[in-house]
N, C-alpha and C. Protein backbone atom coordinates (compact mmCIF):
# COMPACT_ATOMS: atom_id res chain seq x y z
N UNK A 1 -30.77 46.06 139.33
CA UNK A 1 -30.59 46.13 140.76
C UNK A 1 -29.79 47.38 141.10
N UNK A 2 -30.19 48.10 142.11
CA UNK A 2 -29.50 49.31 142.52
C UNK A 2 -28.14 48.96 143.11
N UNK A 3 -27.21 49.86 142.91
CA UNK A 3 -25.87 49.61 143.43
C UNK A 3 -25.90 49.70 144.96
N UNK A 4 -25.32 48.73 145.59
CA UNK A 4 -25.32 48.68 147.05
C UNK A 4 -24.01 49.22 147.59
N UNK A 5 -24.07 49.79 148.77
CA UNK A 5 -22.84 50.16 149.46
C UNK A 5 -22.17 48.86 149.89
N UNK A 6 -20.86 48.87 149.88
CA UNK A 6 -20.19 47.65 150.29
C UNK A 6 -20.45 47.44 151.78
N UNK A 7 -20.79 46.23 152.09
CA UNK A 7 -21.10 45.93 153.48
C UNK A 7 -21.00 44.45 153.71
N UNK A 8 -21.51 44.06 154.82
CA UNK A 8 -21.36 42.69 155.25
C UNK A 8 -22.10 41.70 154.35
N UNK A 9 -23.25 42.09 153.80
CA UNK A 9 -24.06 41.12 153.08
C UNK A 9 -23.87 41.13 151.56
N UNK A 10 -22.95 41.92 151.04
CA UNK A 10 -22.77 41.94 149.59
C UNK A 10 -22.27 40.59 149.09
N UNK A 11 -21.45 39.92 149.89
CA UNK A 11 -20.97 38.58 149.52
C UNK A 11 -22.11 37.58 149.48
N UNK A 12 -23.07 37.74 150.38
CA UNK A 12 -24.24 36.86 150.40
C UNK A 12 -25.09 37.09 149.16
N UNK A 13 -25.19 38.34 148.74
CA UNK A 13 -25.97 38.66 147.54
C UNK A 13 -25.32 38.03 146.31
N UNK A 14 -24.00 38.12 146.24
CA UNK A 14 -23.28 37.51 145.11
C UNK A 14 -23.45 35.99 145.13
N UNK A 15 -23.36 35.37 146.29
CA UNK A 15 -23.54 33.92 146.41
C UNK A 15 -24.94 33.51 145.96
N UNK A 16 -25.93 34.32 146.30
CA UNK A 16 -27.31 34.05 145.88
C UNK A 16 -27.42 34.11 144.36
N UNK A 17 -26.81 35.17 143.76
CA UNK A 17 -26.82 35.29 142.29
C UNK A 17 -26.18 34.07 141.63
N UNK A 18 -25.05 33.64 142.17
CA UNK A 18 -24.35 32.49 141.62
C UNK A 18 -25.19 31.22 141.76
N UNK A 19 -25.84 31.06 142.90
CA UNK A 19 -26.64 29.85 143.12
C UNK A 19 -27.84 29.83 142.17
N UNK A 20 -28.43 30.99 141.90
CA UNK A 20 -29.55 31.06 140.94
C UNK A 20 -29.08 30.65 139.54
N UNK A 21 -27.91 31.13 139.15
CA UNK A 21 -27.37 30.82 137.83
C UNK A 21 -27.08 29.33 137.70
N UNK A 22 -26.47 28.76 138.75
CA UNK A 22 -26.14 27.33 138.73
C UNK A 22 -27.39 26.47 138.74
N UNK A 23 -28.38 26.87 139.54
CA UNK A 23 -29.63 26.11 139.62
C UNK A 23 -30.32 26.09 138.27
N UNK A 24 -30.29 27.21 137.57
CA UNK A 24 -30.91 27.30 136.25
C UNK A 24 -30.20 26.38 135.27
N UNK A 25 -28.88 26.39 135.31
CA UNK A 25 -28.08 25.54 134.42
C UNK A 25 -28.34 24.06 134.73
N UNK A 26 -28.34 23.72 136.02
CA UNK A 26 -28.56 22.34 136.44
C UNK A 26 -29.95 21.85 136.05
N UNK A 27 -30.95 22.73 136.15
CA UNK A 27 -32.32 22.37 135.78
C UNK A 27 -32.38 21.97 134.31
N UNK A 28 -31.71 22.73 133.46
CA UNK A 28 -31.68 22.42 132.03
C UNK A 28 -31.03 21.07 131.75
N UNK A 29 -29.93 20.80 132.44
CA UNK A 29 -29.22 19.53 132.24
C UNK A 29 -30.10 18.37 132.70
N UNK A 30 -30.76 18.52 133.86
CA UNK A 30 -31.63 17.45 134.37
C UNK A 30 -32.77 17.15 133.41
N UNK A 31 -33.37 18.20 132.86
CA UNK A 31 -34.47 18.01 131.90
C UNK A 31 -33.96 17.26 130.68
N UNK A 32 -32.76 17.62 130.22
CA UNK A 32 -32.18 16.98 129.04
C UNK A 32 -31.93 15.48 129.27
N UNK A 33 -31.36 15.12 130.42
CA UNK A 33 -31.05 13.71 130.65
C UNK A 33 -32.31 12.89 130.86
N UNK A 34 -33.31 13.47 131.52
CA UNK A 34 -34.56 12.74 131.74
C UNK A 34 -35.31 12.52 130.43
N UNK A 35 -35.27 13.51 129.55
CA UNK A 35 -35.91 13.38 128.24
C UNK A 35 -35.23 12.28 127.43
N UNK A 36 -33.90 12.26 127.46
CA UNK A 36 -33.15 11.23 126.74
C UNK A 36 -33.49 9.84 127.27
N UNK A 37 -33.62 9.71 128.59
CA UNK A 37 -33.97 8.41 129.19
C UNK A 37 -35.37 7.98 128.76
N UNK A 38 -36.30 8.93 128.70
CA UNK A 38 -37.66 8.60 128.28
C UNK A 38 -37.70 8.15 126.83
N UNK A 39 -36.86 8.75 125.99
CA UNK A 39 -36.79 8.33 124.58
C UNK A 39 -36.30 6.89 124.47
N UNK A 40 -35.32 6.52 125.30
CA UNK A 40 -34.82 5.14 125.31
C UNK A 40 -35.95 4.20 125.72
N UNK A 41 -36.68 4.56 126.79
CA UNK A 41 -37.77 3.71 127.27
C UNK A 41 -38.88 3.57 126.22
N UNK A 42 -39.14 4.64 125.48
CA UNK A 42 -40.15 4.59 124.42
C UNK A 42 -39.71 3.62 123.32
N UNK A 43 -38.44 3.68 122.95
CA UNK A 43 -37.92 2.76 121.94
C UNK A 43 -37.98 1.31 122.43
N UNK A 44 -37.73 1.11 123.73
CA UNK A 44 -37.79 -0.24 124.30
C UNK A 44 -39.23 -0.76 124.26
N UNK A 45 -40.18 0.11 124.62
CA UNK A 45 -41.59 -0.30 124.60
C UNK A 45 -42.05 -0.68 123.20
N UNK A 46 -41.53 0.02 122.19
CA UNK A 46 -41.88 -0.27 120.80
C UNK A 46 -41.09 -1.46 120.26
N UNK A 47 -40.17 -1.97 121.09
CA UNK A 47 -39.29 -3.08 120.72
C UNK A 47 -38.42 -2.75 119.51
N UNK A 48 -38.05 -1.50 119.40
CA UNK A 48 -37.15 -1.02 118.35
C UNK A 48 -35.73 -1.08 118.88
N UNK A 49 -35.10 -2.26 118.78
CA UNK A 49 -33.81 -2.49 119.43
C UNK A 49 -32.67 -1.66 118.84
N UNK A 50 -32.52 -1.57 117.52
CA UNK A 50 -31.41 -0.76 116.99
C UNK A 50 -31.52 0.72 117.42
N UNK A 51 -32.72 1.25 117.35
CA UNK A 51 -32.94 2.64 117.77
C UNK A 51 -32.69 2.79 119.27
N UNK A 52 -33.12 1.81 120.04
CA UNK A 52 -32.90 1.84 121.48
C UNK A 52 -31.43 1.83 121.84
N UNK A 53 -30.66 1.02 121.12
CA UNK A 53 -29.21 0.96 121.39
C UNK A 53 -28.53 2.29 121.07
N UNK A 54 -28.98 2.90 119.97
CA UNK A 54 -28.40 4.19 119.58
C UNK A 54 -28.75 5.26 120.61
N UNK A 55 -30.01 5.27 121.03
CA UNK A 55 -30.45 6.26 122.01
C UNK A 55 -29.82 6.01 123.38
N UNK A 56 -29.60 4.73 123.71
CA UNK A 56 -28.98 4.40 124.99
C UNK A 56 -27.56 4.96 125.07
N UNK A 57 -26.83 4.87 123.97
CA UNK A 57 -25.46 5.40 123.95
C UNK A 57 -25.47 6.91 124.19
N UNK A 58 -26.38 7.59 123.53
CA UNK A 58 -26.48 9.04 123.71
C UNK A 58 -26.93 9.41 125.11
N UNK A 59 -27.88 8.65 125.63
CA UNK A 59 -28.38 8.90 126.98
C UNK A 59 -27.29 8.66 128.02
N UNK A 60 -26.53 7.60 127.85
CA UNK A 60 -25.45 7.28 128.78
C UNK A 60 -24.41 8.41 128.79
N UNK A 61 -24.13 8.94 127.62
CA UNK A 61 -23.19 10.05 127.52
C UNK A 61 -23.69 11.28 128.28
N UNK A 62 -24.99 11.56 128.15
CA UNK A 62 -25.57 12.71 128.86
C UNK A 62 -25.53 12.50 130.37
N UNK A 63 -25.82 11.27 130.83
CA UNK A 63 -25.76 10.98 132.27
C UNK A 63 -24.34 11.20 132.79
N UNK A 64 -23.35 10.71 132.01
CA UNK A 64 -21.95 10.87 132.43
C UNK A 64 -21.54 12.33 132.49
N UNK A 65 -21.96 13.10 131.49
CA UNK A 65 -21.61 14.53 131.47
C UNK A 65 -22.25 15.26 132.65
N UNK A 66 -23.49 14.91 132.97
CA UNK A 66 -24.17 15.53 134.10
C UNK A 66 -23.44 15.21 135.40
N UNK A 67 -22.97 13.96 135.52
CA UNK A 67 -22.23 13.57 136.72
C UNK A 67 -20.88 14.29 136.79
N UNK A 68 -20.25 14.44 135.65
CA UNK A 68 -18.95 15.12 135.60
C UNK A 68 -19.09 16.59 136.00
N UNK A 69 -20.18 17.22 135.60
CA UNK A 69 -20.42 18.62 135.94
C UNK A 69 -20.88 18.80 137.39
N UNK A 70 -21.25 17.70 138.04
CA UNK A 70 -21.69 17.79 139.43
C UNK A 70 -23.18 18.05 139.57
N UNK A 71 -23.92 17.92 138.48
CA UNK A 71 -25.36 18.13 138.53
C UNK A 71 -26.01 16.99 139.30
N UNK A 72 -25.54 15.76 139.05
CA UNK A 72 -26.03 14.58 139.76
C UNK A 72 -24.82 13.81 140.29
N UNK A 73 -25.06 12.92 141.22
CA UNK A 73 -24.00 12.09 141.78
C UNK A 73 -23.60 11.03 140.76
N UNK A 74 -22.33 10.67 140.74
CA UNK A 74 -21.85 9.71 139.74
C UNK A 74 -22.47 8.33 139.93
N UNK A 75 -22.79 7.97 141.17
CA UNK A 75 -23.41 6.66 141.38
C UNK A 75 -24.86 6.66 140.88
N UNK A 76 -25.52 7.80 140.94
CA UNK A 76 -26.87 7.91 140.39
C UNK A 76 -26.82 7.71 138.88
N UNK A 77 -25.84 8.33 138.24
CA UNK A 77 -25.68 8.19 136.79
C UNK A 77 -25.42 6.73 136.43
N UNK A 78 -24.55 6.07 137.18
CA UNK A 78 -24.22 4.67 136.91
C UNK A 78 -25.45 3.78 137.08
N UNK A 79 -26.23 4.04 138.12
CA UNK A 79 -27.42 3.24 138.38
C UNK A 79 -28.46 3.42 137.27
N UNK A 80 -28.69 4.65 136.86
CA UNK A 80 -29.67 4.92 135.81
C UNK A 80 -29.25 4.27 134.50
N UNK A 81 -27.97 4.39 134.14
CA UNK A 81 -27.47 3.79 132.90
C UNK A 81 -27.62 2.27 132.93
N UNK A 82 -27.28 1.68 134.08
CA UNK A 82 -27.35 0.22 134.21
C UNK A 82 -28.78 -0.28 134.08
N UNK A 83 -29.73 0.46 134.67
CA UNK A 83 -31.12 0.04 134.60
C UNK A 83 -31.68 0.16 133.19
N UNK A 84 -31.29 1.21 132.48
CA UNK A 84 -31.74 1.36 131.09
C UNK A 84 -31.16 0.23 130.23
N UNK A 85 -29.87 -0.05 130.42
CA UNK A 85 -29.21 -1.11 129.65
C UNK A 85 -29.84 -2.47 129.96
N UNK A 86 -30.17 -2.70 131.23
CA UNK A 86 -30.78 -3.97 131.64
C UNK A 86 -32.13 -4.16 130.96
N UNK A 87 -32.93 -3.09 130.90
CA UNK A 87 -34.24 -3.19 130.25
C UNK A 87 -34.09 -3.45 128.76
N UNK A 88 -33.14 -2.78 128.14
CA UNK A 88 -32.91 -2.98 126.71
C UNK A 88 -32.43 -4.41 126.44
N UNK A 89 -31.54 -4.89 127.28
CA UNK A 89 -31.02 -6.25 127.10
C UNK A 89 -32.09 -7.31 127.35
N UNK A 90 -33.02 -7.04 128.25
CA UNK A 90 -34.09 -8.01 128.49
C UNK A 90 -35.01 -8.11 127.27
N UNK A 91 -35.28 -6.98 126.63
CA UNK A 91 -36.09 -7.00 125.40
C UNK A 91 -35.33 -7.69 124.29
N UNK A 92 -34.04 -7.43 124.21
CA UNK A 92 -33.19 -8.07 123.20
C UNK A 92 -33.16 -9.58 123.38
N UNK A 93 -33.02 -10.03 124.63
CA UNK A 93 -32.99 -11.47 124.92
C UNK A 93 -34.33 -12.12 124.61
N UNK A 94 -35.42 -11.41 124.88
CA UNK A 94 -36.75 -11.95 124.63
C UNK A 94 -37.02 -12.08 123.13
N UNK A 95 -36.42 -11.19 122.34
CA UNK A 95 -36.67 -11.21 120.90
C UNK A 95 -35.79 -12.23 120.18
N UNK A 96 -34.74 -12.69 120.84
CA UNK A 96 -33.84 -13.68 120.22
C UNK A 96 -34.51 -15.05 120.20
N UNK A 97 -34.50 -15.72 119.05
CA UNK A 97 -35.06 -17.10 119.03
C UNK A 97 -34.12 -18.05 119.79
N UNK A 98 -34.73 -19.00 120.48
CA UNK A 98 -33.94 -19.95 121.27
C UNK A 98 -33.58 -21.17 120.48
């Protein structure tokens, strides 16, 4: 980019650069957490409970980190974690003999 004379819009250009950088970083984090959630759901569908529990812990950690960084809202992270855990627990309860 050519060097600009200092003026009124240089701050806007810097803000745009920063927003592009943050959006790129946030996109990567979102892809990572969604992939982790899909892996948990795949393990649940296969009824692989030990693997699902292990993946759920990792996925929950990623959701929390994303919320801490401000990529997603903390209540969204809590809701997603709770729904994944609920699905895993329902499969676990169904597999338990009565």
